[in-house]
């Protein structure tokens, strides 16, 4: 009988050092506009079952979208360097990068509780990198993780600058928008991954 994979959530700080540095914001507004065919677009939703809209920008997609890099080798040098750091941290597990994109939210642009994988298939993961160069607890914008019944919070992650969250894509979660106190666009860089067939399970 096959062993069922244990679902994982891992929060990682201080991974990038000077790779992101003080110009994190340059990887959001200018990067999102210049590095993808349509730039920032308004109207993205968390999944097909929700209608709450927010900003988004696709930076790489293995689905061969017109004008979008389809492999990490073709992708912007910055997201490739970030992925190289992440891949080393995730060893001995190995992954195929299916999609890289930016999400942007201002006050009032909450998405909804959702999963990034609609089936119970194992081996699918999401990585979030929080890109805002400054963030306080008063700014809100937490990523909330829920139990399978979606009636209790199991983890709340504050979007500290440069923080990484790695999680099983089957986890119900919700990216909250900033509070009224925050005048910034809350920006996350997201990598959607599948574990390679011969790769061990991720361990943190």
C-alpha atoms as a PDB file:
ATOM      1  CA  UNK A   1       0.000   0.000   0.000  1.00  0.00           C
ATOM      2  CA  UNK A   2       1.373   3.436  -0.931  1.00  0.00           C
ATOM      3  CA  UNK A   3       2.141   5.827   1.897  1.00  0.00           C
ATOM      4  CA  UNK A   4      -0.015   8.934   1.831  1.00  0.00           C
ATOM      5  CA  UNK A   5       2.058  12.081   1.723  1.00  0.00           C
ATOM      6  CA  UNK A   6       1.882  14.234   4.824  1.00  0.00           C
ATOM      7  CA  UNK A   7       0.792  17.734   3.930  1.00  0.00           C
ATOM      8  CA  UNK A   8       3.375  20.349   4.797  1.00  0.00           C
ATOM      9  CA  UNK A   9       3.529  24.083   5.481  1.00  0.00           C
ATOM     10  CA  UNK A  10       6.949  25.633   6.053  1.00  0.00           C
ATOM     11  CA  UNK A  11       7.807  29.268   6.821  1.00  0.00           C
ATOM     12  CA  UNK A  12      11.365  30.287   5.926  1.00  0.00           C
ATOM     13  CA  UNK A  13      13.041  33.595   6.814  1.00  0.00           C
ATOM     14  CA  UNK A  14      16.422  35.129   5.949  1.00  0.00           C
ATOM     15  CA  UNK A  15      16.961  32.997   2.856  1.00  0.00           C
ATOM     16  CA  UNK A  16      17.911  35.576   0.255  1.00  0.00           C
ATOM     17  CA  UNK A  17      20.366  37.915   1.946  1.00  0.00           C
ATOM     18  CA  UNK A  18      21.335  40.697  -0.455  1.00  0.00           C
ATOM     19  CA  UNK A  19      19.676  39.006  -3.444  1.00  0.00           C
ATOM     20  CA  UNK A  20      16.468  40.919  -2.761  1.00  0.00           C
ATOM     21  CA  UNK A  21      17.939  43.756  -0.735  1.00  0.00           C
ATOM     22  CA  UNK A  22      16.447  47.226  -0.440  1.00  0.00           C
ATOM     23  CA  UNK A  23      15.055  47.300  -3.989  1.00  0.00           C
ATOM     24  CA  UNK A  24      12.367  44.673  -3.423  1.00  0.00           C
ATOM     25  CA  UNK A  25       9.793  47.130  -4.684  1.00  0.00           C
ATOM     26  CA  UNK A  26      11.604  47.232  -8.059  1.00  0.00           C
ATOM     27  CA  UNK A  27      10.579  43.596  -8.463  1.00  0.00           C
ATOM     28  CA  UNK A  28       6.915  44.484  -8.191  1.00  0.00           C
ATOM     29  CA  UNK A  29       5.760  47.580 -10.075  1.00  0.00           C
ATOM     30  CA  UNK A  30       8.409  47.930 -12.850  1.00  0.00           C
ATOM     31  CA  UNK A  31       9.153  44.205 -13.062  1.00  0.00           C
ATOM     32  CA  UNK A  32       5.526  43.180 -13.335  1.00  0.00           C
ATOM     33  CA  UNK A  33       4.937  45.683 -16.121  1.00  0.00           C
ATOM     34  CA  UNK A  34       8.071  45.094 -18.150  1.00  0.00           C
ATOM     35  CA  UNK A  35       8.530  41.344 -17.815  1.00  0.00           C
ATOM     36  CA  UNK A  36       5.163  39.995 -18.947  1.00  0.00           C
ATOM     37  CA  UNK A  37       3.114  40.536 -22.070  1.00  0.00           C
ATOM     38  CA  UNK A  38       0.196  42.387 -20.508  1.00  0.00           C
ATOM     39  CA  UNK A  39       1.819  43.771 -17.353  1.00  0.00           C
ATOM     40  CA  UNK A  40      -0.369  44.018 -14.293  1.00  0.00           C
ATOM     41  CA  UNK A  41      -3.969  43.011 -14.971  1.00  0.00           C
ATOM     42  CA  UNK A  42      -6.976  43.524 -12.737  1.00  0.00           C
ATOM     43  CA  UNK A  43      -9.546  40.771 -12.473  1.00  0.00           C
ATOM     44  CA  UNK A  44      -7.647  37.700 -11.267  1.00  0.00           C
ATOM     45  CA  UNK A  45      -9.522  35.462  -8.814  1.00  0.00           C
ATOM     46  CA  UNK A  46      -8.328  32.785  -6.416  1.00  0.00           C
ATOM     47  CA  UNK A  47     -10.134  30.036  -8.358  1.00  0.00           C
ATOM     48  CA  UNK A  48     -13.102  29.445 -10.646  1.00  0.00           C
ATOM     49  CA  UNK A  49     -15.507  29.325  -7.705  1.00  0.00           C
ATOM     50  CA  UNK A  50     -14.803  32.779  -6.267  1.00  0.00           C
ATOM     51  CA  UNK A  51     -15.488  36.248  -7.623  1.00  0.00           C
ATOM     52  CA  UNK A  52     -13.267  38.439  -5.420  1.00  0.00           C
ATOM     53  CA  UNK A  53     -10.885  40.201  -7.827  1.00  0.00           C
ATOM     54  CA  UNK A  54      -7.306  41.406  -7.358  1.00  0.00           C
ATOM     55  CA  UNK A  55      -4.235  42.313  -9.426  1.00  0.00           C
ATOM     56  CA  UNK A  56      -2.021  39.731 -11.124  1.00  0.00           C
ATOM     57  CA  UNK A  57       0.846  39.327 -13.586  1.00  0.00           C
ATOM     58  CA  UNK A  58       2.110  36.090 -15.146  1.00  0.00           C
ATOM     59  CA  UNK A  59       5.919  35.895 -15.390  1.00  0.00           C
ATOM     60  CA  UNK A  60       6.352  32.306 -16.584  1.00  0.00           C
ATOM     61  CA  UNK A  61       3.925  29.570 -17.590  1.00  0.00           C
ATOM     62  CA  UNK A  62       4.514  26.046 -18.871  1.00  0.00           C
ATOM     63  CA  UNK A  63       1.116  26.270 -20.597  1.00  0.00           C
ATOM     64  CA  UNK A  64       2.683  28.165 -23.535  1.00  0.00           C
ATOM     65  CA  UNK A  65       0.727  31.370 -23.084  1.00  0.00           C
ATOM     66  CA  UNK A  66       1.435  33.883 -25.887  1.00  0.00           C
ATOM     67  CA  UNK A  67       4.210  36.314 -24.997  1.00  0.00           C
ATOM     68  CA  UNK A  68       5.022  34.588 -21.695  1.00  0.00           C
ATOM     69  CA  UNK A  69       8.251  32.610 -21.062  1.00  0.00           C
ATOM     70  CA  UNK A  70       7.402  28.899 -20.928  1.00  0.00           C
ATOM     71  CA  UNK A  71      10.486  27.652 -19.041  1.00  0.00           C
ATOM     72  CA  UNK A  72      12.630  28.911 -16.189  1.00  0.00           C
ATOM     73  CA  UNK A  73      15.547  29.153 -18.622  1.00  0.00           C
ATOM     74  CA  UNK A  74      13.584  31.757 -20.609  1.00  0.00           C
ATOM     75  CA  UNK A  75      12.289  33.604 -17.553  1.00  0.00           C
ATOM     76  CA  UNK A  76      13.499  36.902 -16.127  1.00  0.00           C
ATOM     77  CA  UNK A  77      16.953  36.582 -14.558  1.00  0.00           C
ATOM     78  CA  UNK A  78      15.680  37.744 -11.164  1.00  0.00           C
ATOM     79  CA  UNK A  79      12.983  35.128 -10.759  1.00  0.00           C
ATOM     80  CA  UNK A  80      15.461  32.500 -11.953  1.00  0.00           C
ATOM     81  CA  UNK A  81      18.004  33.533  -9.311  1.00  0.00           C
ATOM     82  CA  UNK A  82      15.338  33.488  -6.623  1.00  0.00           C
ATOM     83  CA  UNK A  83      14.280  30.014  -7.748  1.00  0.00           C
ATOM     84  CA  UNK A  84      17.896  28.799  -7.632  1.00  0.00           C
ATOM     85  CA  UNK A  85      18.074  29.843  -3.966  1.00  0.00           C
ATOM     86  CA  UNK A  86      14.760  28.165  -3.239  1.00  0.00           C
ATOM     87  CA  UNK A  87      15.728  24.952  -5.041  1.00  0.00           C
ATOM     88  CA  UNK A  88      18.885  24.622  -2.933  1.00  0.00           C
ATOM     89  CA  UNK A  89      16.876  25.166   0.259  1.00  0.00           C
ATOM     90  CA  UNK A  90      14.337  22.508  -0.766  1.00  0.00           C
ATOM     91  CA  UNK A  91      16.950  19.795  -1.379  1.00  0.00           C
ATOM     92  CA  UNK A  92      16.930  16.810  -1.507  1.00  0.00           C
ATOM     93  CA  UNK A  93      13.474  17.311  -3.064  1.00  0.00           C
ATOM     94  CA  UNK A  94      13.369  18.349  -6.739  1.00  0.00           C
ATOM     95  CA  UNK A  95      10.552  20.145  -8.529  1.00  0.00           C
ATOM     96  CA  UNK A  96       9.290  21.209 -11.925  1.00  0.00           C
ATOM     97  CA  UNK A  97       8.216  24.866 -12.049  1.00  0.00           C
ATOM     98  CA  UNK A  98       4.831  25.086 -13.763  1.00  0.00           C
ATOM     99  CA  UNK A  99       4.030  28.758 -13.293  1.00  0.00           C
ATOM    100  CA  UNK A 100       5.419  31.953 -11.769  1.00  0.00           C
ATOM    101  CA  UNK A 101       3.236  34.969 -11.162  1.00  0.00           C
ATOM    102  CA  UNK A 102       2.683  38.066  -9.055  1.00  0.00           C
ATOM    103  CA  UNK A 103      -0.398  38.783  -6.958  1.00  0.00           C
ATOM    104  CA  UNK A 104      -1.232  42.345  -5.904  1.00  0.00           C
ATOM    105  CA  UNK A 105      -3.785  43.531  -3.362  1.00  0.00           C
ATOM    106  CA  UNK A 106      -4.747  46.872  -1.915  1.00  0.00           C
ATOM    107  CA  UNK A 107      -7.231  47.563   0.872  1.00  0.00           C
ATOM    108  CA  UNK A 108     -10.542  45.841   0.122  1.00  0.00           C
ATOM    109  CA  UNK A 109      -9.098  43.369  -2.397  1.00  0.00           C
ATOM    110  CA  UNK A 110      -9.347  40.246  -0.259  1.00  0.00           C
ATOM    111  CA  UNK A 111      -9.473  37.007  -2.180  1.00  0.00           C
ATOM    112  CA  UNK A 112     -11.271  33.984  -0.692  1.00  0.00           C
ATOM    113  CA  UNK A 113     -10.549  30.668   1.013  1.00  0.00           C
ATOM    114  CA  UNK A 114      -9.385  28.309  -1.739  1.00  0.00           C
ATOM    115  CA  UNK A 115      -6.906  25.607  -2.663  1.00  0.00           C
ATOM    116  CA  UNK A 116      -4.348  25.849  -5.457  1.00  0.00           C
ATOM    117  CA  UNK A 117      -5.050  22.225  -6.394  1.00  0.00           C
ATOM    118  CA  UNK A 118      -8.693  21.259  -6.785  1.00  0.00           C
ATOM    119  CA  UNK A 119      -8.125  17.487  -6.515  1.00  0.00           C
ATOM    120  CA  UNK A 120      -6.507  15.343  -3.806  1.00  0.00           C
ATOM    121  CA  UNK A 121      -3.561  14.513  -6.068  1.00  0.00           C
ATOM    122  CA  UNK A 122      -0.250  14.497  -4.222  1.00  0.00           C
ATOM    123  CA  UNK A 123       2.950  16.192  -5.328  1.00  0.00           C
ATOM    124  CA  UNK A 124       1.660  19.728  -6.053  1.00  0.00           C
ATOM    125  CA  UNK A 125       3.079  22.676  -4.090  1.00  0.00           C
ATOM    126  CA  UNK A 126       2.958  26.457  -3.908  1.00  0.00           C
ATOM    127  CA  UNK A 127       5.761  28.779  -2.830  1.00  0.00           C
ATOM    128  CA  UNK A 128       5.047  32.383  -1.849  1.00  0.00           C
ATOM    129  CA  UNK A 129       7.747  35.047  -1.525  1.00  0.00           C
ATOM    130  CA  UNK A 130       6.636  38.305   0.107  1.00  0.00           C
ATOM    131  CA  UNK A 131       8.181  41.172  -1.848  1.00  0.00           C
ATOM    132  CA  UNK A 132       7.214  44.376  -0.043  1.00  0.00           C
ATOM    133  CA  UNK A 133      10.381  45.989   1.372  1.00  0.00           C
ATOM    134  CA  UNK A 134       8.571  47.217   4.489  1.00  0.00           C
ATOM    135  CA  UNK A 135       5.640  45.685   6.334  1.00  0.00           C
ATOM    136  CA  UNK A 136       4.276  45.924   9.877  1.00  0.00           C
ATOM    137  CA  UNK A 137       1.684  43.922  11.748  1.00  0.00           C
ATOM    138  CA  UNK A 138      -0.652  46.928  11.426  1.00  0.00           C
ATOM    139  CA  UNK A 139      -0.637  46.508   7.634  1.00  0.00           C
ATOM    140  CA  UNK A 140      -2.487  43.165   7.794  1.00  0.00           C
ATOM    141  CA  UNK A 141      -2.214  41.043   4.637  1.00  0.00           C
ATOM    142  CA  UNK A 142      -1.713  37.733   6.448  1.00  0.00           C
ATOM    143  CA  UNK A 143      -1.856  34.424   4.596  1.00  0.00           C
ATOM    144  CA  UNK A 144      -4.322  32.288   6.536  1.00  0.00           C
ATOM    145  CA  UNK A 145      -4.265  28.477   6.420  1.00  0.00           C
ATOM    146  CA  UNK A 146      -7.313  26.411   7.369  1.00  0.00           C
ATOM    147  CA  UNK A 147      -8.178  22.838   8.273  1.00  0.00           C
ATOM    148  CA  UNK A 148      -9.831  20.630   5.659  1.00  0.00           C
ATOM    149  CA  UNK A 149     -13.292  21.546   6.942  1.00  0.00           C
ATOM    150  CA  UNK A 150     -12.410  25.240   6.498  1.00  0.00           C
ATOM    151  CA  UNK A 151     -13.867  26.097   9.900  1.00  0.00           C
ATOM    152  CA  UNK A 152     -10.677  26.795  11.864  1.00  0.00           C
ATOM    153  CA  UNK A 153      -7.367  28.588  11.301  1.00  0.00           C
ATOM    154  CA  UNK A 154      -4.291  26.404  11.696  1.00  0.00           C
ATOM    155  CA  UNK A 155      -1.653  29.025  10.805  1.00  0.00           C
ATOM    156  CA  UNK A 156      -1.482  32.752  10.116  1.00  0.00           C
ATOM    157  CA  UNK A 157       1.618  34.043   8.295  1.00  0.00           C
ATOM    158  CA  UNK A 158       2.568  37.725   8.402  1.00  0.00           C
ATOM    159  CA  UNK A 159       4.051  38.883   5.049  1.00  0.00           C
ATOM    160  CA  UNK A 160       7.440  39.973   6.361  1.00  0.00           C
ATOM    161  CA  UNK A 161       9.829  41.244   3.661  1.00  0.00           C
ATOM    162  CA  UNK A 162      11.580  38.355   1.926  1.00  0.00           C
ATOM    163  CA  UNK A 163       9.704  35.684   3.893  1.00  0.00           C
ATOM    164  CA  UNK A 164       8.973  32.409   2.083  1.00  0.00           C
ATOM    165  CA  UNK A 165       6.047  30.044   2.608  1.00  0.00           C
ATOM    166  CA  UNK A 166       6.168  26.557   1.074  1.00  0.00           C
ATOM    167  CA  UNK A 167       2.963  24.538   1.266  1.00  0.00           C
ATOM    168  CA  UNK A 168       1.047  21.632  -0.163  1.00  0.00           C
ATOM    169  CA  UNK A 169      -1.300  23.097  -2.789  1.00  0.00           C
ATOM    170  CA  UNK A 170      -4.230  21.143  -1.320  1.00  0.00           C
ATOM    171  CA  UNK A 171      -4.232  23.292   1.828  1.00  0.00           C
ATOM    172  CA  UNK A 172      -7.182  25.704   2.039  1.00  0.00           C
ATOM    173  CA  UNK A 173      -5.762  29.201   2.414  1.00  0.00           C
ATOM    174  CA  UNK A 174      -6.645  32.851   2.013  1.00  0.00           C
ATOM    175  CA  UNK A 175      -4.428  35.832   1.202  1.00  0.00           C
ATOM    176  CA  UNK A 176      -5.936  38.740   3.107  1.00  0.00           C
ATOM    177  CA  UNK A 177      -5.754  42.234   1.694  1.00  0.00           C
ATOM    178  CA  UNK A 178      -3.969  45.046   3.548  1.00  0.00           C
ATOM    179  CA  UNK A 179      -5.746  47.009   6.249  1.00  0.00           C
ATOM    180  CA  UNK A 180      -7.035  50.548   5.846  1.00  0.00           C
ATOM    181  CA  UNK A 181      -3.809  51.708   7.532  1.00  0.00           C
ATOM    182  CA  UNK A 182      -1.693  50.437   4.623  1.00  0.00           C
ATOM    183  CA  UNK A 183      -1.202  52.594   1.525  1.00  0.00           C
ATOM    184  CA  UNK A 184       0.858  49.999  -0.345  1.00  0.00           C
ATOM    185  CA  UNK A 185       0.163  47.218  -2.810  1.00  0.00           C
ATOM    186  CA  UNK A 186       0.646  43.884  -1.023  1.00  0.00           C
ATOM    187  CA  UNK A 187       2.726  41.845  -3.470  1.00  0.00           C
ATOM    188  CA  UNK A 188       3.578  38.161  -3.478  1.00  0.00           C
ATOM    189  CA  UNK A 189       5.721  36.259  -5.938  1.00  0.00           C
ATOM    190  CA  UNK A 190       4.308  32.747  -6.377  1.00  0.00           C
ATOM    191  CA  UNK A 191       5.841  29.583  -7.816  1.00  0.00           C
ATOM    192  CA  UNK A 192       3.566  26.630  -8.594  1.00  0.00           C
ATOM    193  CA  UNK A 193       5.469  23.353  -8.517  1.00  0.00           C
ATOM    194  CA  UNK A 194       5.151  19.621  -9.023  1.00  0.00           C
ATOM    195  CA  UNK A 195       7.542  17.197  -7.380  1.00  0.00           C
ATOM    196  CA  UNK A 196       9.580  15.093  -9.811  1.00  0.00           C
ATOM    197  CA  UNK A 197       8.708  11.398  -9.836  1.00  0.00           C
ATOM    198  CA  UNK A 198      12.061  10.224  -8.474  1.00  0.00           C
ATOM    199  CA  UNK A 199      12.312  12.979  -5.852  1.00  0.00           C
ATOM    200  CA  UNK A 200      11.990  12.335  -2.118  1.00  0.00           C
ATOM    201  CA  UNK A 201       9.195  14.006  -0.190  1.00  0.00           C
ATOM    202  CA  UNK A 202       9.958  17.540   1.060  1.00  0.00           C
ATOM    203  CA  UNK A 203      11.220  17.718   4.642  1.00  0.00           C
ATOM    204  CA  UNK A 204      11.621  20.890   6.724  1.00  0.00           C
END
